[in-house]
Amino acid sequence: MKAASGRNRRFRSTPPTLTCLKDWGPTSSTLIEVFPGNLGVRNMPMNVNPIPTVDQRINEIRELTARIVNKEILPHERSLAARWRRDASADEKAASRAVAETIKDKVKKAGLWAPHLPPAYGGAGLSFLEHAYMNEILAYTPGGAALFGVVAPNSGNQTILLKYGTEEQKRKWLVPLTEGKMESGFSMTEPDAPGSDPRAIKTTARLEKGEWVINGHKWFTSNGFRADFLIVMCRTEGAGRDTGRMTQIIVPTKTPGLRIVRGVEVWGQPSDHCEIVYDNVRVPEANALGEAGSGHKAAQDRLGAGRVFHCMNSIGQMWRAFDLMVERAAMREVHGGVLASKQFIQGFIADSYIDIQAARLMTIRCAEMMEDGGDPRTDISAIKVFVPAAYQRVVDRAIQVWGAAGVSGDTPLAGMYLGARTLRIADGPDEVHRILIARNVLSRYAEGEGWDFGN
């Protein structure tokens, strides 16, 4: 893997300042917390050391993120989860929120808050590659991204507002979103149109006396119940398979005509992915993001970067599942010896190591290509297919080693497994990306060139 300071790398002129590493103590500790249920396995800290082939700043970001994860987050995972548990008492949720706010303050003090945003908007201003390397560390703990101010759909909406928004839109929507005073959602998928084909969107918005009048039916609108505003993908002109007339429009959730039908159950559990009907919803013409017709390009900008970040998040989760599996195998005795002495389990360990290394190197290569301004489309599709499938395999093996405990709520593995399977659909199903890979390769050969796997 080439160094992060390679040819054509783009650097900021004034990178944000990080807190000195020595202020946070060692990267790892020997014992953090025992899992509930007397399972007898430690909540193992993440082992992160400098990478010789990347620049010093990336190593500092990784190490500082790991120290916050190990020292501030892992010891409080159970209490932090109470914020989202439906059976948690009001006192438990209040205590959980207090812990979360304390951690967020420490992240901000360390200079790592909102890595995807520039300092002018309260962010850390990390480069794309720095952010990608950071993601594999913060994702080691479930919910870690939210504690660093980078969680979907808010982070994706912030990025789009930053690139396409007017100064007034940034003041009205981006700033309070970054400060945590607002929540947002993204409303694109429709129940009557294939999510893998954005050209099939039927929701319309027409201009009438200085207002957009929106009519349509969406579902899986993320963060729908909590959102103060939604970014809605609409067809503003044209019909059929014309992508040149899509526009993203900001719609406050209290606007008359916007009706939340339900939260769509996901894996049999309630969720805030909402089904929404837009019935003559009127918003000012100024609520359009970018020029009319730029919505498809904005969506691709959002999804391309998001796929890389999702893959790096998946690698962090795989890393955690691998640690859990290996430690369980080393401690669990069965049939006259520990699990680690059995060849089946040794095969699990080897296969998971291979999956993680392959997924990680593919994703970092793609992130480097995006940082360098190359054409990453084939590689984005490749990691979108390979990484979630590898993630699912790694977690599946860990669950098998843990047995019944692996599907319980006493470890994070069950949630990881559902998340991994969902990623094979989210941001475009595997089949669409395989078609795109083949199309790009075949077009290159049709031009008389072979594929250059070195670039």
Protein backbone atom coordinates (compact mmCIF):
# COMPACT_ATOMS: atom_id res chain seq x y z
CA MET A 1 0.00 0.00 0.00
CA LYS A 2 1.49 3.30 -0.99
CA ALA A 3 2.16 6.04 1.53
CA ALA A 4 -0.56 8.58 2.14
CA SER A 5 1.75 11.33 0.95
CA GLY A 6 1.86 9.96 -2.62
CA ARG A 7 1.72 11.87 -5.88
CA ASN A 8 -1.16 14.32 -6.38
CA ARG A 9 -2.26 14.06 -2.73
CA ARG A 10 -4.30 17.10 -1.70
CA PHE A 11 -3.44 18.73 1.64
CA ARG A 12 -5.15 21.47 3.59
CA SER A 13 -3.10 24.59 4.15
CA THR A 14 -4.12 24.76 7.82
CA PRO A 15 -4.89 21.29 9.23
CA PRO A 16 -6.82 21.28 12.51
CA THR A 17 -4.89 20.77 15.71
CA LEU A 18 -5.12 17.45 17.52
CA THR A 19 -4.71 17.05 21.25
CA CYS A 20 -1.30 15.68 22.19
CA LEU A 21 -1.37 11.86 22.32
CA LYS A 22 0.38 11.66 25.67
CA ASP A 23 -2.58 13.38 27.31
CA TRP A 24 -4.67 10.27 26.69
CA GLY A 25 -2.35 7.60 28.08
CA PRO A 26 -1.57 4.26 26.40
CA THR A 27 -3.50 3.05 23.37
CA SER A 28 -4.55 -0.21 25.03
CA SER A 29 -5.32 -1.36 28.54
CA THR A 30 -5.35 -4.88 29.92
CA LEU A 31 -8.92 -5.03 31.18
CA ILE A 32 -11.93 -2.85 30.55
CA GLU A 33 -15.20 -4.52 31.41
CA VAL A 34 -16.62 -8.03 31.60
CA PHE A 35 -19.58 -8.80 29.38
CA PRO A 36 -22.89 -9.18 31.24
CA GLY A 37 -24.23 -12.62 32.05
CA ASN A 38 -20.99 -13.92 33.63
CA LEU A 39 -19.65 -14.97 30.25
CA GLY A 40 -16.12 -14.55 31.57
CA VAL A 41 -14.69 -12.72 28.57
CA ARG A 42 -13.11 -9.30 28.74
CA ASN A 43 -14.28 -6.40 26.64
CA MET A 44 -10.95 -6.41 24.81
CA PRO A 45 -9.42 -3.03 23.94
CA MET A 46 -8.53 -2.34 20.34
CA ASN A 47 -4.85 -2.86 19.56
CA VAL A 48 -3.75 0.02 17.29
CA ASN A 49 -0.15 0.80 16.43
CA PRO A 50 1.44 3.16 13.86
CA ILE A 51 1.35 2.10 10.20
CA PRO A 52 4.84 2.62 8.71
CA THR A 53 3.58 3.40 5.19
CA VAL A 54 1.22 6.30 5.98
CA ASP A 55 2.04 9.83 7.03
CA GLN A 56 2.39 10.79 10.66
CA ARG A 57 -0.86 12.69 10.83
CA ILE A 58 -2.96 9.65 9.85
CA ASN A 59 -1.20 7.63 12.55
CA GLU A 60 -1.89 10.35 15.11
CA ILE A 61 -5.59 10.39 14.16
CA ARG A 62 -5.84 6.60 14.40
CA GLU A 63 -4.02 6.39 17.72
CA LEU A 64 -5.94 9.25 19.31
CA THR A 65 -9.27 7.81 18.13
CA ALA A 66 -8.29 4.41 19.55
CA ARG A 67 -7.40 5.91 22.91
CA ILE A 68 -10.79 7.60 23.14
CA VAL A 69 -12.54 4.37 22.13
CA ASN A 70 -10.58 2.26 24.63
CA LYS A 71 -10.52 4.69 27.53
CA GLU A 72 -13.82 6.56 27.23
CA ILE A 73 -16.28 4.42 25.25
CA LEU A 74 -15.63 0.69 25.76
CA PRO A 75 -15.90 0.90 29.57
CA HIS A 76 -19.36 2.45 29.19
CA GLU A 77 -20.82 0.49 26.28
CA ARG A 78 -23.64 -1.04 28.30
CA SER A 79 -24.73 2.23 29.85
CA LEU A 80 -24.43 4.07 26.52
CA ALA A 81 -26.76 1.53 24.90
CA ALA A 82 -29.53 2.48 27.34
CA ARG A 83 -30.22 5.61 25.26
CA TRP A 84 -31.73 3.38 22.56
CA ARG A 85 -33.20 0.54 24.61
CA ARG A 86 -36.98 0.67 24.71
CA ASP A 87 -37.08 -1.11 28.09
CA ALA A 88 -34.65 1.33 29.75
CA SER A 89 -36.02 3.49 32.55
CA ALA A 90 -36.06 7.28 32.34
CA ASP A 91 -33.21 7.42 34.87
CA GLU A 92 -31.12 4.96 32.83
CA LYS A 93 -31.66 6.96 29.66
CA ALA A 94 -30.78 10.22 31.40
CA ALA A 95 -27.60 8.71 32.82
CA SER A 96 -26.74 7.30 29.38
CA ARG A 97 -27.20 10.69 27.71
CA ALA A 98 -25.00 12.32 30.35
CA VAL A 99 -22.20 9.81 29.65
CA ALA A 100 -22.57 10.36 25.91
CA GLU A 101 -22.35 14.15 26.25
CA THR A 102 -19.22 13.84 28.38
CA ILE A 103 -17.58 11.68 25.72
CA LYS A 104 -18.61 14.09 22.95
CA ASP A 105 -17.00 16.95 24.84
CA LYS A 106 -13.76 14.98 25.07
CA VAL A 107 -13.88 14.17 21.35
CA LYS A 108 -14.28 17.89 20.58
CA LYS A 109 -11.41 18.75 22.91
CA ALA A 110 -9.26 16.20 21.06
CA GLY A 111 -10.02 17.92 17.72
CA LEU A 112 -11.82 14.93 16.21
CA TRP A 113 -15.46 16.07 16.21
CA ALA A 114 -17.32 15.91 12.85
CA PRO A 115 -14.31 14.79 10.78
CA HIS A 116 -16.21 15.28 7.51
CA LEU A 117 -16.80 19.02 8.03
CA PRO A 118 -14.38 21.97 7.84
CA PRO A 119 -13.45 23.90 11.00
CA ALA A 120 -15.59 26.84 9.85
CA TYR A 121 -18.64 24.64 10.47
CA GLY A 122 -17.44 23.08 13.70
CA GLY A 123 -15.72 20.05 12.20
CA ALA A 124 -12.24 18.56 12.35
CA GLY A 125 -11.63 19.17 8.65
CA LEU A 126 -10.01 15.82 7.95
CA SER A 127 -9.11 14.84 4.42
CA PHE A 128 -11.05 12.00 2.81
CA LEU A 129 -8.26 9.48 3.48
CA GLU A 130 -7.77 10.64 7.08
CA HIS A 131 -11.50 10.25 7.68
CA ALA A 132 -11.50 6.76 6.14
CA TYR A 133 -8.65 5.59 8.39
CA MET A 134 -10.42 7.11 11.40
CA ASN A 135 -13.65 5.25 10.63
CA GLU A 136 -12.16 1.79 11.02
CA ILE A 137 -11.19 2.73 14.59
CA LEU A 138 -14.33 4.47 15.83
CA ALA A 139 -16.53 1.69 14.38
CA TYR A 140 -14.90 -0.87 16.71
CA THR A 141 -17.60 0.02 19.23
CA PRO A 142 -21.30 0.02 18.22
CA GLY A 143 -22.59 3.57 18.18
CA GLY A 144 -19.10 5.02 18.23
CA ALA A 145 -19.71 7.15 15.13
CA ALA A 146 -22.44 9.15 16.84
CA LEU A 147 -20.04 10.05 19.65
CA PHE A 148 -17.66 11.52 17.05
CA GLY A 149 -20.41 13.57 15.37
CA VAL A 150 -20.53 11.51 12.19
CA VAL A 151 -23.67 9.42 11.89
CA ALA A 152 -26.07 8.88 9.01
CA PRO A 153 -28.19 10.45 7.74
CA ASN A 154 -27.04 13.71 9.36
CA SER A 155 -23.45 13.38 8.15
CA GLY A 156 -24.49 12.76 4.54
CA ASN A 157 -26.94 15.66 4.65
CA GLN A 158 -24.27 17.92 6.14
CA THR A 159 -21.92 17.05 3.29
CA ILE A 160 -24.57 17.81 0.66
CA LEU A 161 -25.57 21.08 2.36
CA LEU A 162 -21.92 22.09 2.48
CA LYS A 163 -21.36 21.42 -1.25
CA TYR A 164 -24.70 22.43 -2.76
CA GLY A 165 -26.29 24.72 -0.18
CA THR A 166 -26.52 28.50 -0.37
CA GLU A 167 -25.11 30.57 2.48
CA GLU A 168 -28.64 31.06 3.78
CA GLN A 169 -29.32 27.30 3.66
CA LYS A 170 -26.09 26.63 5.51
CA ARG A 171 -26.98 29.16 8.19
CA LYS A 172 -30.53 27.87 8.59
CA TRP A 173 -29.96 24.11 8.34
CA LEU A 174 -26.28 23.11 8.37
CA VAL A 175 -25.12 25.08 11.41
CA PRO A 176 -27.87 23.91 13.81
CA LEU A 177 -27.51 20.36 12.45
CA THR A 178 -23.79 20.39 13.24
CA GLU A 179 -24.40 21.91 16.68
CA GLY A 180 -26.84 19.11 17.53
CA LYS A 181 -29.81 21.49 17.74
CA MET A 182 -31.55 19.80 14.79
CA GLU A 183 -31.98 16.33 13.34
CA SER A 184 -32.42 15.51 9.65
CA GLY A 185 -33.54 12.69 7.38
CA PHE A 186 -33.01 11.62 3.78
CA SER A 187 -36.10 10.78 1.72
CA MET A 188 -35.32 9.08 -1.59
CA THR A 189 -36.52 5.45 -1.73
CA GLU A 190 -40.05 4.72 -2.90
CA PRO A 191 -42.18 1.61 -2.32
CA ASP A 192 -43.38 1.53 -5.94
CA ALA A 193 -40.00 2.10 -7.59
CA PRO A 194 -36.80 0.01 -7.49
CA GLY A 195 -34.32 1.63 -5.11
CA SER A 196 -31.43 0.50 -7.31
CA ASP A 197 -32.67 2.68 -10.19
CA PRO A 198 -32.93 6.38 -9.24
CA ARG A 199 -34.35 7.12 -12.70
CA ALA A 200 -37.56 5.40 -11.63
CA ILE A 201 -38.43 7.97 -8.94
CA LYS A 202 -42.04 9.13 -9.22
CA THR A 203 -42.29 11.82 -6.51
CA THR A 204 -42.75 15.16 -8.27
CA ALA A 205 -42.16 18.81 -7.42
CA ARG A 206 -43.54 21.58 -9.59
CA LEU A 207 -42.99 25.32 -9.25
CA GLU A 208 -46.09 27.35 -8.53
CA LYS A 209 -45.97 31.02 -7.49
CA GLY A 210 -42.50 30.80 -5.96
CA GLU A 211 -43.10 27.49 -4.17
CA TRP A 212 -42.30 23.85 -4.84
CA VAL A 213 -45.45 21.72 -4.65
CA ILE A 214 -44.41 18.16 -3.80
CA ASN A 215 -46.49 15.03 -4.28
CA GLY A 216 -45.30 11.49 -3.78
CA HIS A 217 -44.84 8.44 -1.62
CA LYS A 218 -41.54 7.50 0.05
CA TRP A 219 -40.42 4.87 2.50
CA PHE A 220 -37.26 3.97 4.38
CA THR A 221 -36.82 7.69 4.99
CA SER A 222 -34.01 7.53 7.52
CA ASN A 223 -34.38 9.19 10.92
CA GLY A 224 -37.95 10.12 10.00
CA PHE A 225 -39.44 10.34 13.48
CA ARG A 226 -36.70 12.55 14.95
CA ALA A 227 -35.94 14.71 11.92
CA ASP A 228 -36.67 18.44 11.95
CA PHE A 229 -36.24 18.53 8.18
CA LEU A 230 -35.84 16.09 5.31
CA ILE A 231 -33.87 16.28 2.10
CA VAL A 232 -36.32 14.90 -0.47
CA MET A 233 -35.39 13.62 -3.92
CA CYS A 234 -38.00 14.82 -6.44
CA ARG A 235 -38.57 14.78 -10.17
CA THR A 236 -38.87 18.45 -11.08
CA GLU A 237 -39.24 17.97 -14.84
CA GLY A 238 -39.34 15.16 -17.35
CA ALA A 239 -40.58 11.64 -16.93
CA GLY A 240 -39.57 8.04 -17.41
CA ARG A 241 -35.83 7.39 -17.25
CA ASP A 242 -34.57 10.99 -17.38
CA THR A 243 -32.11 11.58 -14.50
CA GLY A 244 -31.32 15.14 -15.56
CA ARG A 245 -34.42 16.57 -13.90
CA MET A 246 -34.01 15.33 -10.34
CA THR A 247 -33.73 17.94 -7.61
CA GLN A 248 -33.13 17.59 -3.88
CA ILE A 249 -35.40 19.85 -1.83
CA ILE A 250 -35.31 20.72 1.89
CA VAL A 251 -38.69 20.01 3.52
CA PRO A 252 -39.33 20.79 7.23
CA THR A 253 -41.18 17.85 8.78
CA LYS A 254 -43.92 20.09 10.21
CA THR A 255 -44.92 21.32 6.74
CA PRO A 256 -48.66 20.79 6.05
CA GLY A 257 -49.29 17.82 3.78
CA LEU A 258 -46.32 15.80 5.02
CA ARG A 259 -47.71 12.70 6.73
CA ILE A 260 -45.64 10.00 8.41
CA VAL A 261 -47.56 6.78 7.83
CA ARG A 262 -45.42 4.52 10.00
CA GLY A 263 -41.96 3.47 10.99
CA VAL A 264 -41.09 0.49 8.78
CA GLU A 265 -40.10 -2.58 10.81
CA VAL A 266 -36.57 -3.76 10.06
CA TRP A 267 -35.69 -7.38 10.87
CA GLY A 268 -38.97 -7.59 12.76
CA GLN A 269 -38.10 -4.67 15.05
CA PRO A 270 -39.49 -1.11 15.14
CA SER A 271 -37.35 1.50 13.40
CA ASP A 272 -37.33 5.19 12.52
CA HIS A 273 -37.06 4.41 8.80
CA CYS A 274 -40.37 5.97 7.91
CA GLU A 275 -42.99 5.64 5.22
CA ILE A 276 -44.10 9.15 4.26
CA VAL A 277 -46.78 10.59 2.00
CA TYR A 278 -46.27 14.05 0.47
CA ASP A 279 -49.67 15.51 -0.41
CA ASN A 280 -49.36 18.96 -2.00
CA VAL A 281 -46.51 19.86 0.34
CA ARG A 282 -45.44 23.45 -0.29
CA VAL A 283 -42.00 24.86 0.47
CA PRO A 284 -40.20 27.99 -0.82
CA GLU A 285 -38.42 27.78 -4.17
CA ALA A 286 -35.23 28.70 -2.26
CA ASN A 287 -35.35 25.29 -0.51
CA ALA A 288 -33.94 23.54 -3.59
CA LEU A 289 -30.38 22.31 -3.04
CA GLY A 290 -28.21 23.42 -5.93
CA GLU A 291 -29.61 24.11 -9.35
CA ALA A 292 -32.79 22.39 -10.45
CA GLY A 293 -31.78 19.10 -12.06
CA SER A 294 -28.64 18.56 -9.94
CA GLY A 295 -30.27 16.05 -7.60
CA HIS A 296 -28.93 12.90 -9.25
CA LYS A 297 -25.35 14.23 -9.19
CA ALA A 298 -25.75 15.21 -5.52
CA ALA A 299 -27.03 11.74 -4.68
CA GLN A 300 -24.05 10.11 -6.42
CA ASP A 301 -21.64 12.43 -4.56
CA ARG A 302 -23.26 11.36 -1.31
CA LEU A 303 -23.39 7.65 -2.05
CA GLY A 304 -19.89 7.29 -3.48
CA ALA A 305 -18.14 8.64 -0.40
CA GLY A 306 -20.69 6.95 1.86
CA ARG A 307 -19.92 3.53 0.42
CA VAL A 308 -16.23 3.91 1.30
CA PHE A 309 -17.06 5.06 4.83
CA HIS A 310 -19.57 2.23 5.27
CA CYS A 311 -16.89 -0.25 4.24
CA MET A 312 -14.33 1.20 6.67
CA ASN A 313 -16.99 1.06 9.37
CA SER A 314 -17.58 -2.58 8.46
CA ILE A 315 -13.87 -3.29 8.84
CA GLY A 316 -13.89 -1.81 12.35
CA GLN A 317 -16.84 -4.04 13.23
CA MET A 318 -15.08 -7.07 11.71
CA TRP A 319 -12.04 -6.23 13.81
CA ARG A 320 -14.18 -6.31 16.95
CA ALA A 321 -15.89 -9.57 15.94
CA PHE A 322 -12.48 -11.14 15.25
CA ASP A 323 -11.16 -10.13 18.68
CA LEU A 324 -14.26 -11.55 20.34
CA MET A 325 -14.01 -14.80 18.40
CA VAL A 326 -10.32 -15.39 19.09
CA GLU A 327 -10.58 -14.62 22.78
CA ARG A 328 -13.61 -16.86 23.16
CA ALA A 329 -11.81 -19.66 21.33
CA ALA A 330 -8.80 -19.33 23.62
CA MET A 331 -10.88 -19.52 26.83
CA ARG A 332 -13.83 -21.80 26.12
CA GLU A 333 -13.20 -25.46 27.06
CA VAL A 334 -15.10 -28.20 25.28
CA HIS A 335 -14.49 -31.91 24.66
CA GLY A 336 -11.18 -32.06 26.46
CA GLY A 337 -9.59 -28.83 25.31
CA VAL A 338 -10.11 -25.19 24.46
CA LEU A 339 -11.88 -24.32 21.21
CA ALA A 340 -8.68 -22.83 19.81
CA SER A 341 -7.12 -26.32 19.74
CA LYS A 342 -9.77 -27.58 17.29
CA GLN A 343 -8.93 -27.49 13.58
CA PHE A 344 -12.39 -26.26 12.61
CA ILE A 345 -11.93 -23.19 14.82
CA GLN A 346 -8.40 -22.64 13.56
CA GLY A 347 -9.89 -22.59 10.06
CA PHE A 348 -12.41 -19.97 11.23
CA ILE A 349 -9.58 -17.79 12.53
CA ALA A 350 -7.56 -18.11 9.32
CA ASP A 351 -10.53 -17.42 7.03
CA SER A 352 -11.62 -14.38 9.03
CA TYR A 353 -8.07 -13.00 9.02
CA ILE A 354 -8.01 -13.36 5.22
CA ASP A 355 -11.42 -11.70 4.84
CA ILE A 356 -10.48 -8.72 7.02
CA GLN A 357 -7.11 -8.11 5.39
CA ALA A 358 -8.53 -8.38 1.86
CA ALA A 359 -11.50 -6.11 2.66
CA ARG A 360 -9.30 -3.55 4.37
CA LEU A 361 -6.69 -3.31 1.61
CA MET A 362 -9.36 -3.06 -1.12
CA THR A 363 -11.11 -0.25 0.73
CA ILE A 364 -7.95 1.71 1.50
CA ARG A 365 -6.91 1.47 -2.16
CA CYS A 366 -10.30 2.87 -3.17
CA ALA A 367 -10.03 5.69 -0.60
CA GLU A 368 -6.56 6.58 -1.91
CA MET A 369 -7.91 6.72 -5.45
CA MET A 370 -10.71 9.08 -4.38
CA GLU A 371 -8.23 11.25 -2.48
CA ASP A 372 -5.98 11.46 -5.55
CA GLY A 373 -8.85 12.52 -7.82
CA GLY A 374 -8.81 9.31 -9.89
CA ASP A 375 -11.80 7.42 -11.27
CA PRO A 376 -12.88 5.14 -8.40
CA ARG A 377 -16.20 3.91 -9.81
CA THR A 378 -15.13 0.31 -10.44
CA ASP A 379 -13.38 0.07 -7.09
CA ILE A 380 -16.35 1.57 -5.22
CA SER A 381 -18.59 -1.11 -6.72
CA ALA A 382 -16.01 -3.80 -5.94
CA ILE A 383 -15.77 -2.93 -2.25
CA LYS A 384 -19.54 -2.48 -2.05
CA VAL A 385 -19.92 -6.14 -3.10
CA PHE A 386 -16.96 -7.70 -1.31
CA VAL A 387 -16.78 -5.94 2.06
CA PRO A 388 -20.36 -6.48 3.35
CA ALA A 389 -20.17 -10.15 2.31
CA ALA A 390 -16.83 -10.53 4.11
CA TYR A 391 -18.28 -8.71 7.12
CA GLN A 392 -21.18 -11.15 7.20
CA ARG A 393 -18.82 -14.15 7.01
CA VAL A 394 -16.56 -12.85 9.78
CA VAL A 395 -19.46 -12.16 12.14
CA ASP A 396 -21.10 -15.50 11.29
CA ARG A 397 -17.95 -17.37 12.34
CA ALA A 398 -17.73 -15.38 15.56
CA ILE A 399 -21.36 -16.21 16.37
CA GLN A 400 -20.66 -19.90 15.74
CA VAL A 401 -17.74 -19.83 18.19
CA TRP A 402 -19.83 -18.04 20.81
CA GLY A 403 -22.78 -20.41 20.34
CA ALA A 404 -26.05 -19.35 21.94
CA ALA A 405 -24.40 -16.29 23.50
CA GLY A 406 -23.54 -15.09 19.99
CA VAL A 407 -27.18 -14.50 19.11
CA SER A 408 -28.03 -13.00 22.51
CA GLY A 409 -27.93 -9.36 23.52
CA ASP A 410 -24.90 -9.99 25.71
CA THR A 411 -22.47 -9.42 22.84
CA PRO A 412 -22.67 -7.01 19.88
CA LEU A 413 -22.51 -9.88 17.36
CA ALA A 414 -26.23 -10.25 16.66
CA GLY A 415 -26.56 -6.56 15.79
CA MET A 416 -23.47 -6.76 13.61
CA TYR A 417 -24.87 -9.72 11.67
CA LEU A 418 -28.11 -7.90 10.86
CA GLY A 419 -26.18 -4.79 9.89
CA ALA A 420 -23.88 -6.77 7.59
CA ARG A 421 -26.77 -8.42 5.78
CA THR A 422 -28.56 -5.10 5.37
CA LEU A 423 -25.48 -3.53 3.76
CA ARG A 424 -25.78 -5.96 0.85
CA ILE A 425 -28.97 -4.07 -0.07
CA ALA A 426 -28.26 -0.53 1.17
CA ASP A 427 -26.55 1.90 -1.24
CA GLY A 428 -27.35 -0.39 -4.16
CA PRO A 429 -27.70 -4.18 -4.17
CA ASP A 430 -24.76 -6.43 -4.96
CA GLU A 431 -26.16 -7.39 -8.35
CA VAL A 432 -26.22 -3.80 -9.65
CA HIS A 433 -22.61 -3.25 -8.61
CA ARG A 434 -21.48 -6.49 -10.26
CA ILE A 435 -23.10 -5.30 -13.49
CA LEU A 436 -21.30 -1.95 -13.20
CA ILE A 437 -17.93 -3.66 -12.63
CA ALA A 438 -18.39 -5.90 -15.66
CA ARG A 439 -19.58 -2.99 -17.82
CA ASN A 440 -16.52 -0.88 -16.94
CA VAL A 441 -14.11 -3.75 -17.57
CA LEU A 442 -15.73 -4.75 -20.88
CA SER A 443 -15.72 -1.16 -22.15
CA ARG A 444 -11.98 -0.91 -21.49
CA TYR A 445 -11.31 -4.09 -23.48
CA ALA A 446 -13.64 -2.90 -26.25
CA GLU A 447 -11.34 0.11 -26.63
CA GLY A 448 -8.40 -2.23 -27.22
CA GLU A 449 -6.89 -1.92 -23.74
CA GLY A 450 -6.45 -4.49 -21.00
CA TRP A 451 -7.23 -3.79 -17.35
CA ASP A 452 -4.37 -2.24 -15.36
CA PHE A 453 -4.61 -3.75 -11.88
CA GLY A 454 -1.72 -1.59 -10.69
CA ASN A 455 -3.70 1.63 -11.04
